[in-house]
Amino acid sequence: MLLLRLTPLLLGALCIAAGLLLPLLSRKRIRHPVYTQATIVSSVRQQVYQNRSVIEAIAPVVRYETERGEITVTAKYFLPEWQYRYRNGDSVRICYDRSRPEHFAFCDSTGSRTGRVLLLTAGIGMMLAYGILWVQYH
């Protein structure tokens, strides 16, 4: 019975923890991050089998300056065509691994920022609602 009463608090705490940890999870494979600006120079397309159908997936090709000089790299992750939002010439913030400069991640993706804000809002909202109801009925 106690666990049932504390469920909103536990869910709120989980949402807050997930919202705070989301940025760390997106960069978890980059051990020694170096932040820089990159330019989208082109894209690579491939056919991907997803949900019993074939879709067109796209990965951006970016150019950026490293400590060893300028390099051009294709992103490791392909996005479905309807989710791809980059255009040639766009400037994006990335972080690359100092020991492996060809390994990078996008650092300011609005999708992860939106997800983080939603998780934090839901968690704080649940905890506030629980607190208000607890004060009102006890």
N, C-alpha and C. Protein backbone atom coordinates (compact mmCIF):
# COMPACT_ATOMS: atom_id res chain seq x y z
N MET A 1 0.83 -1.19 0.00
CA MET A 1 0.00 0.00 0.00
C MET A 1 0.88 1.27 0.00
N LEU A 2 1.97 1.22 0.76
CA LEU A 2 2.87 2.36 0.81
C LEU A 2 3.52 2.60 -0.55
N LEU A 3 3.88 1.52 -1.24
CA LEU A 3 4.49 1.65 -2.56
C LEU A 3 3.52 2.30 -3.54
N LEU A 4 2.25 1.97 -3.43
CA LEU A 4 1.24 2.56 -4.31
C LEU A 4 1.12 4.07 -4.05
N ARG A 5 1.21 4.48 -2.80
CA ARG A 5 1.12 5.90 -2.47
C ARG A 5 2.36 6.68 -2.93
N LEU A 6 3.50 6.00 -2.95
CA LEU A 6 4.74 6.67 -3.33
C LEU A 6 5.05 6.59 -4.83
N THR A 7 4.21 5.91 -5.59
CA THR A 7 4.45 5.75 -7.03
C THR A 7 4.61 7.08 -7.76
N PRO A 8 3.75 8.09 -7.52
CA PRO A 8 3.97 9.37 -8.21
C PRO A 8 5.32 10.01 -7.88
N LEU A 9 5.76 9.89 -6.64
CA LEU A 9 7.07 10.44 -6.27
C LEU A 9 8.20 9.68 -6.96
N LEU A 10 8.07 8.36 -7.03
CA LEU A 10 9.10 7.56 -7.70
C LEU A 10 9.15 7.86 -9.20
N LEU A 11 7.98 7.99 -9.83
CA LEU A 11 7.93 8.32 -11.25
C LEU A 11 8.50 9.72 -11.50
N GLY A 12 8.17 10.65 -10.64
CA GLY A 12 8.70 12.01 -10.77
C GLY A 12 10.21 12.02 -10.63
N ALA A 13 10.73 11.27 -9.65
CA ALA A 13 12.18 11.21 -9.46
C ALA A 13 12.86 10.55 -10.65
N LEU A 14 12.24 9.51 -11.22
CA LEU A 14 12.80 8.86 -12.41
C LEU A 14 12.83 9.80 -13.60
N CYS A 15 11.77 10.58 -13.80
CA CYS A 15 11.73 11.54 -14.90
C CYS A 15 12.81 12.61 -14.73
N ILE A 16 12.97 13.10 -13.52
CA ILE A 16 13.99 14.12 -13.27
C ILE A 16 15.39 13.54 -13.49
N ALA A 17 15.63 12.33 -12.99
CA ALA A 17 16.94 11.70 -13.19
C ALA A 17 17.22 11.47 -14.68
N ALA A 18 16.21 11.00 -15.41
CA ALA A 18 16.40 10.78 -16.85
C ALA A 18 16.67 12.11 -17.57
N GLY A 19 15.97 13.15 -17.18
CA GLY A 19 16.19 14.46 -17.79
C GLY A 19 17.57 15.02 -17.53
N LEU A 20 18.09 14.75 -16.34
CA LEU A 20 19.43 15.23 -16.00
C LEU A 20 20.53 14.38 -16.65
N LEU A 21 20.27 13.10 -16.85
CA LEU A 21 21.27 12.20 -17.43
C LEU A 21 21.25 12.15 -18.95
N LEU A 22 20.21 12.67 -19.59
CA LEU A 22 20.08 12.58 -21.04
C LEU A 22 21.28 13.17 -21.79
N PRO A 23 21.80 14.33 -21.41
CA PRO A 23 22.98 14.85 -22.13
C PRO A 23 24.21 13.96 -21.98
N LEU A 24 24.36 13.33 -20.84
CA LEU A 24 25.51 12.44 -20.64
C LEU A 24 25.41 11.19 -21.50
N LEU A 25 24.20 10.68 -21.67
CA LEU A 25 24.02 9.47 -22.47
C LEU A 25 24.27 9.72 -23.94
N SER A 26 23.98 10.92 -24.42
CA SER A 26 24.18 11.20 -25.84
C SER A 26 25.65 11.32 -26.21
N ARG A 27 26.51 11.61 -25.23
CA ARG A 27 27.95 11.74 -25.49
C ARG A 27 28.76 10.62 -24.84
N LYS A 28 28.13 9.53 -24.46
CA LYS A 28 28.81 8.52 -23.66
C LYS A 28 29.97 7.84 -24.38
N ARG A 29 29.99 7.82 -25.69
CA ARG A 29 31.05 7.15 -26.40
C ARG A 29 32.25 8.06 -26.68
N ILE A 30 32.12 9.32 -26.38
CA ILE A 30 33.21 10.27 -26.61
C ILE A 30 33.90 10.50 -25.27
N ARG A 31 35.09 9.95 -25.14
CA ARG A 31 35.77 9.96 -23.85
C ARG A 31 36.47 11.28 -23.54
N HIS A 32 37.08 11.89 -24.54
CA HIS A 32 37.80 13.16 -24.35
C HIS A 32 37.21 14.18 -25.32
N PRO A 33 36.04 14.76 -24.98
CA PRO A 33 35.36 15.63 -25.94
C PRO A 33 36.06 16.96 -26.17
N VAL A 34 36.06 17.36 -27.44
CA VAL A 34 36.52 18.68 -27.85
C VAL A 34 35.35 19.29 -28.63
N TYR A 35 34.91 20.46 -28.22
CA TYR A 35 33.75 21.11 -28.83
C TYR A 35 34.21 22.07 -29.93
N THR A 36 33.48 22.04 -31.05
CA THR A 36 33.81 22.92 -32.17
C THR A 36 32.60 23.09 -33.07
N GLN A 37 32.72 24.01 -34.01
CA GLN A 37 31.68 24.22 -35.02
C GLN A 37 32.05 23.40 -36.26
N ALA A 38 31.05 22.82 -36.88
CA ALA A 38 31.25 22.05 -38.10
C ALA A 38 30.28 22.57 -39.15
N THR A 39 30.60 22.28 -40.41
CA THR A 39 29.74 22.68 -41.52
C THR A 39 29.24 21.43 -42.24
N ILE A 40 27.95 21.40 -42.51
CA ILE A 40 27.38 20.30 -43.30
C ILE A 40 27.79 20.53 -44.74
N VAL A 41 28.50 19.57 -45.32
CA VAL A 41 28.98 19.74 -46.70
C VAL A 41 28.20 18.90 -47.70
N SER A 42 27.61 17.80 -47.26
CA SER A 42 26.77 16.97 -48.13
C SER A 42 26.05 15.95 -47.26
N SER A 43 25.47 14.95 -47.91
CA SER A 43 24.80 13.88 -47.18
C SER A 43 24.97 12.57 -47.94
N VAL A 44 24.80 11.48 -47.21
CA VAL A 44 24.89 10.15 -47.78
C VAL A 44 23.53 9.49 -47.60
N ARG A 45 23.03 8.85 -48.64
CA ARG A 45 21.72 8.19 -48.59
C ARG A 45 21.89 6.69 -48.69
N GLN A 46 20.99 5.98 -48.01
CA GLN A 46 20.95 4.53 -48.17
C GLN A 46 19.55 4.03 -47.88
N GLN A 47 19.23 2.88 -48.43
CA GLN A 47 17.94 2.24 -48.20
C GLN A 47 18.04 1.43 -46.91
N VAL A 48 17.05 1.59 -46.02
CA VAL A 48 17.05 0.88 -44.75
C VAL A 48 15.73 0.14 -44.60
N TYR A 49 15.81 -1.09 -44.12
CA TYR A 49 14.62 -1.88 -43.87
C TYR A 49 14.15 -1.60 -42.45
N GLN A 50 12.93 -1.04 -42.31
CA GLN A 50 12.42 -0.67 -41.00
C GLN A 50 10.91 -0.91 -40.97
N ASN A 51 10.46 -1.62 -39.95
CA ASN A 51 9.02 -1.91 -39.77
C ASN A 51 8.41 -2.53 -41.02
N ARG A 52 9.06 -3.52 -41.57
CA ARG A 52 8.60 -4.27 -42.74
C ARG A 52 8.43 -3.42 -44.00
N SER A 53 9.20 -2.36 -44.10
CA SER A 53 9.19 -1.56 -45.32
C SER A 53 10.58 -0.96 -45.52
N VAL A 54 10.83 -0.52 -46.72
CA VAL A 54 12.12 0.08 -47.04
C VAL A 54 11.95 1.59 -47.04
N ILE A 55 12.84 2.27 -46.32
CA ILE A 55 12.79 3.73 -46.27
C ILE A 55 14.14 4.29 -46.70
N GLU A 56 14.14 5.53 -47.08
CA GLU A 56 15.36 6.25 -47.43
C GLU A 56 15.92 6.87 -46.15
N ALA A 57 17.17 6.56 -45.82
CA ALA A 57 17.81 7.12 -44.64
C ALA A 57 18.99 7.99 -45.07
N ILE A 58 19.25 9.04 -44.29
CA ILE A 58 20.27 10.02 -44.67
C ILE A 58 21.20 10.27 -43.48
N ALA A 59 22.49 10.39 -43.77
CA ALA A 59 23.48 10.77 -42.77
C ALA A 59 24.23 11.99 -43.28
N PRO A 60 24.43 12.99 -42.44
CA PRO A 60 25.16 14.19 -42.89
C PRO A 60 26.66 13.93 -42.98
N VAL A 61 27.29 14.64 -43.90
CA VAL A 61 28.75 14.66 -44.01
C VAL A 61 29.19 16.03 -43.53
N VAL A 62 30.06 16.05 -42.51
CA VAL A 62 30.48 17.31 -41.90
C VAL A 62 31.97 17.54 -42.06
N ARG A 63 32.33 18.81 -42.08
CA ARG A 63 33.74 19.21 -42.14
C ARG A 63 34.01 20.09 -40.93
N TYR A 64 35.11 19.79 -40.24
CA TYR A 64 35.47 20.59 -39.07
C TYR A 64 36.97 20.57 -38.87
N GLU A 65 37.40 21.56 -38.09
CA GLU A 65 38.82 21.74 -37.80
C GLU A 65 39.15 20.99 -36.51
N THR A 66 40.21 20.17 -36.54
CA THR A 66 40.69 19.47 -35.35
C THR A 66 42.09 19.98 -35.02
N GLU A 67 42.65 19.46 -33.97
CA GLU A 67 44.01 19.84 -33.59
C GLU A 67 45.02 19.37 -34.64
N ARG A 68 44.65 18.35 -35.41
CA ARG A 68 45.54 17.80 -36.44
C ARG A 68 45.27 18.36 -37.83
N GLY A 69 44.26 19.20 -37.95
CA GLY A 69 43.91 19.78 -39.24
C GLY A 69 42.44 19.57 -39.55
N GLU A 70 42.02 20.00 -40.74
CA GLU A 70 40.62 19.90 -41.14
C GLU A 70 40.31 18.49 -41.65
N ILE A 71 39.16 17.95 -41.22
CA ILE A 71 38.74 16.64 -41.71
C ILE A 71 37.27 16.69 -42.12
N THR A 72 36.91 15.76 -42.98
CA THR A 72 35.53 15.60 -43.43
C THR A 72 35.10 14.19 -43.08
N VAL A 73 33.98 14.07 -42.36
CA VAL A 73 33.54 12.77 -41.85
C VAL A 73 32.04 12.61 -42.06
N THR A 74 31.62 11.38 -42.35
CA THR A 74 30.20 11.05 -42.44
C THR A 74 29.71 10.60 -41.06
N ALA A 75 28.57 11.08 -40.64
CA ALA A 75 27.99 10.67 -39.36
C ALA A 75 27.73 9.17 -39.38
N LYS A 76 27.85 8.54 -38.23
CA LYS A 76 27.66 7.08 -38.12
C LYS A 76 26.19 6.68 -38.12
N TYR A 77 25.32 7.62 -37.74
CA TYR A 77 23.90 7.29 -37.60
C TYR A 77 23.09 7.90 -38.72
N PHE A 78 22.28 7.07 -39.35
CA PHE A 78 21.39 7.51 -40.42
C PHE A 78 20.03 7.83 -39.85
N LEU A 79 19.41 8.88 -40.36
CA LEU A 79 18.07 9.29 -39.95
C LEU A 79 17.10 9.04 -41.09
N PRO A 80 15.85 8.69 -40.78
CA PRO A 80 14.86 8.61 -41.84
C PRO A 80 14.73 9.95 -42.56
N GLU A 81 14.38 9.92 -43.82
CA GLU A 81 14.33 11.14 -44.63
C GLU A 81 13.42 12.19 -44.00
N TRP A 82 12.32 11.79 -43.41
CA TRP A 82 11.38 12.74 -42.84
C TRP A 82 11.91 13.39 -41.56
N GLN A 83 12.94 12.80 -40.91
CA GLN A 83 13.54 13.39 -39.71
C GLN A 83 14.78 14.21 -40.01
N TYR A 84 15.33 14.06 -41.18
CA TYR A 84 16.58 14.75 -41.51
C TYR A 84 16.30 16.23 -41.70
N ARG A 85 17.04 17.09 -40.98
CA ARG A 85 16.75 18.53 -41.01
C ARG A 85 17.95 19.39 -41.42
N TYR A 86 19.06 18.78 -41.79
CA TYR A 86 20.25 19.56 -42.12
C TYR A 86 20.28 19.92 -43.61
N ARG A 87 20.85 21.08 -43.90
CA ARG A 87 21.05 21.51 -45.29
C ARG A 87 22.53 21.80 -45.49
N ASN A 88 22.97 21.64 -46.71
CA ASN A 88 24.37 21.94 -47.02
C ASN A 88 24.66 23.39 -46.65
N GLY A 89 25.78 23.60 -45.96
CA GLY A 89 26.17 24.93 -45.53
C GLY A 89 25.76 25.26 -44.11
N ASP A 90 24.88 24.45 -43.51
CA ASP A 90 24.47 24.68 -42.12
C ASP A 90 25.67 24.54 -41.19
N SER A 91 25.74 25.40 -40.19
CA SER A 91 26.78 25.31 -39.17
C SER A 91 26.17 24.64 -37.94
N VAL A 92 26.83 23.60 -37.43
CA VAL A 92 26.32 22.84 -36.29
C VAL A 92 27.42 22.71 -35.24
N ARG A 93 27.01 22.62 -33.99
CA ARG A 93 27.97 22.41 -32.90
C ARG A 93 28.14 20.92 -32.69
N ILE A 94 29.38 20.47 -32.67
CA ILE A 94 29.68 19.05 -32.46
C ILE A 94 30.73 18.92 -31.36
N CYS A 95 30.89 17.70 -30.88
CA CYS A 95 32.03 17.38 -30.03
C CYS A 95 32.66 16.12 -30.60
N TYR A 96 33.97 16.15 -30.75
CA TYR A 96 34.67 14.99 -31.27
C TYR A 96 35.65 14.48 -30.22
N ASP A 97 36.06 13.25 -30.37
CA ASP A 97 36.99 12.62 -29.45
C ASP A 97 38.41 13.06 -29.78
N ARG A 98 39.11 13.62 -28.82
CA ARG A 98 40.47 14.11 -29.05
C ARG A 98 41.39 13.00 -29.56
N SER A 99 41.25 11.79 -29.05
CA SER A 99 42.12 10.70 -29.47
C SER A 99 41.70 10.10 -30.80
N ARG A 100 40.43 10.25 -31.17
CA ARG A 100 39.91 9.77 -32.46
C ARG A 100 39.06 10.87 -33.07
N PRO A 101 39.67 11.85 -33.74
CA PRO A 101 38.94 13.02 -34.22
C PRO A 101 37.83 12.70 -35.23
N GLU A 102 37.87 11.55 -35.87
CA GLU A 102 36.84 11.19 -36.84
C GLU A 102 35.56 10.70 -36.15
N HIS A 103 35.58 10.54 -34.85
CA HIS A 103 34.43 10.10 -34.07
C HIS A 103 33.79 11.32 -33.41
N PHE A 104 32.58 11.68 -33.84
CA PHE A 104 31.94 12.90 -33.32
C PHE A 104 30.47 12.67 -33.01
N ALA A 105 29.88 13.63 -32.31
CA ALA A 105 28.45 13.62 -32.01
C ALA A 105 27.94 15.05 -32.08
N PHE A 106 26.68 15.20 -32.47
CA PHE A 106 26.05 16.52 -32.47
C PHE A 106 25.74 16.89 -31.03
N CYS A 107 26.10 18.09 -30.62
CA CYS A 107 25.97 18.48 -29.21
C CYS A 107 24.79 19.38 -28.92
N ASP A 108 24.20 19.98 -29.89
CA ASP A 108 23.09 20.88 -29.59
C ASP A 108 21.83 20.50 -30.35
N SER A 109 21.54 19.20 -30.40
CA SER A 109 20.34 18.79 -31.13
C SER A 109 19.10 19.22 -30.35
N THR A 110 18.18 19.86 -31.02
CA THR A 110 16.97 20.38 -30.36
C THR A 110 16.07 19.25 -29.90
N GLY A 111 16.15 18.09 -30.53
CA GLY A 111 15.32 16.96 -30.11
C GLY A 111 15.68 16.50 -28.72
N SER A 112 16.97 16.39 -28.42
CA SER A 112 17.36 15.95 -27.09
C SER A 112 17.08 17.04 -26.06
N ARG A 113 17.21 18.30 -26.44
CA ARG A 113 16.91 19.40 -25.52
C ARG A 113 15.41 19.40 -25.19
N THR A 114 14.58 19.18 -26.19
CA THR A 114 13.13 19.13 -25.97
C THR A 114 12.77 17.96 -25.08
N GLY A 115 13.37 16.80 -25.33
CA GLY A 115 13.11 15.63 -24.49
C GLY A 115 13.52 15.86 -23.06
N ARG A 116 14.65 16.52 -22.88
CA ARG A 116 15.14 16.81 -21.54
C ARG A 116 14.18 17.74 -20.81
N VAL A 117 13.72 18.78 -21.48
CA VAL A 117 12.78 19.73 -20.86
C VAL A 117 11.47 19.03 -20.52
N LEU A 118 10.99 18.18 -21.41
CA LEU A 118 9.74 17.46 -21.13
C LEU A 118 9.87 16.52 -19.93
N LEU A 119 10.98 15.80 -19.86
CA LEU A 119 11.19 14.90 -18.73
C LEU A 119 11.28 15.67 -17.41
N LEU A 120 12.03 16.75 -17.40
CA LEU A 120 12.15 17.54 -16.18
C LEU A 120 10.82 18.17 -15.78
N THR A 121 10.07 18.67 -16.76
CA THR A 121 8.76 19.27 -16.47
C THR A 121 7.80 18.23 -15.92
N ALA A 122 7.77 17.05 -16.54
CA ALA A 122 6.87 16.00 -16.07
C ALA A 122 7.24 15.57 -14.65
N GLY A 123 8.52 15.40 -14.39
CA GLY A 123 8.95 14.97 -13.06
C GLY A 123 8.63 15.98 -11.99
N ILE A 124 8.97 17.23 -12.25
CA ILE A 124 8.70 18.29 -11.27
C ILE A 124 7.19 18.47 -11.10
N GLY A 125 6.45 18.40 -12.20
CA GLY A 125 4.99 18.54 -12.13
C GLY A 125 4.35 17.44 -11.30
N MET A 126 4.80 16.20 -11.49
CA MET A 126 4.24 15.09 -10.70
C MET A 126 4.53 15.27 -9.21
N MET A 127 5.75 15.67 -8.91
CA MET A 127 6.10 15.84 -7.50
C MET A 127 5.35 17.00 -6.86
N LEU A 128 5.19 18.10 -7.60
CA LEU A 128 4.42 19.23 -7.07
C LEU A 128 2.95 18.86 -6.87
N ALA A 129 2.36 18.19 -7.86
CA ALA A 129 0.96 17.78 -7.74
C ALA A 129 0.78 16.84 -6.55
N TYR A 130 1.69 15.91 -6.39
CA TYR A 130 1.60 14.99 -5.26
C TYR A 130 1.69 15.76 -3.93
N GLY A 131 2.64 16.71 -3.87
CA GLY A 131 2.79 17.50 -2.65
C GLY A 131 1.54 18.32 -2.32
N ILE A 132 0.96 18.93 -3.35
CA ILE A 132 -0.25 19.74 -3.14
C ILE A 132 -1.41 18.86 -2.67
N LEU A 133 -1.59 17.71 -3.32
CA LEU A 133 -2.67 16.81 -2.92
C LEU A 133 -2.43 16.23 -1.53
N TRP A 134 -1.18 15.94 -1.19
CA TRP A 134 -0.88 15.41 0.13
C TRP A 134 -1.20 16.44 1.21
N VAL A 135 -0.83 17.70 0.98
CA VAL A 135 -1.12 18.76 1.96
C VAL A 135 -2.62 18.97 2.07
N GLN A 136 -3.31 18.91 0.94
CA GLN A 136 -4.76 19.18 0.96
C GLN A 136 -5.54 18.08 1.69
N TYR A 137 -5.12 16.82 1.55
CA TYR A 137 -5.91 15.73 2.11
C TYR A 137 -5.34 15.13 3.39
N HIS A 138 -4.24 15.67 3.91
CA HIS A 138 -3.70 15.13 5.17
C HIS A 138 -3.60 16.21 6.21
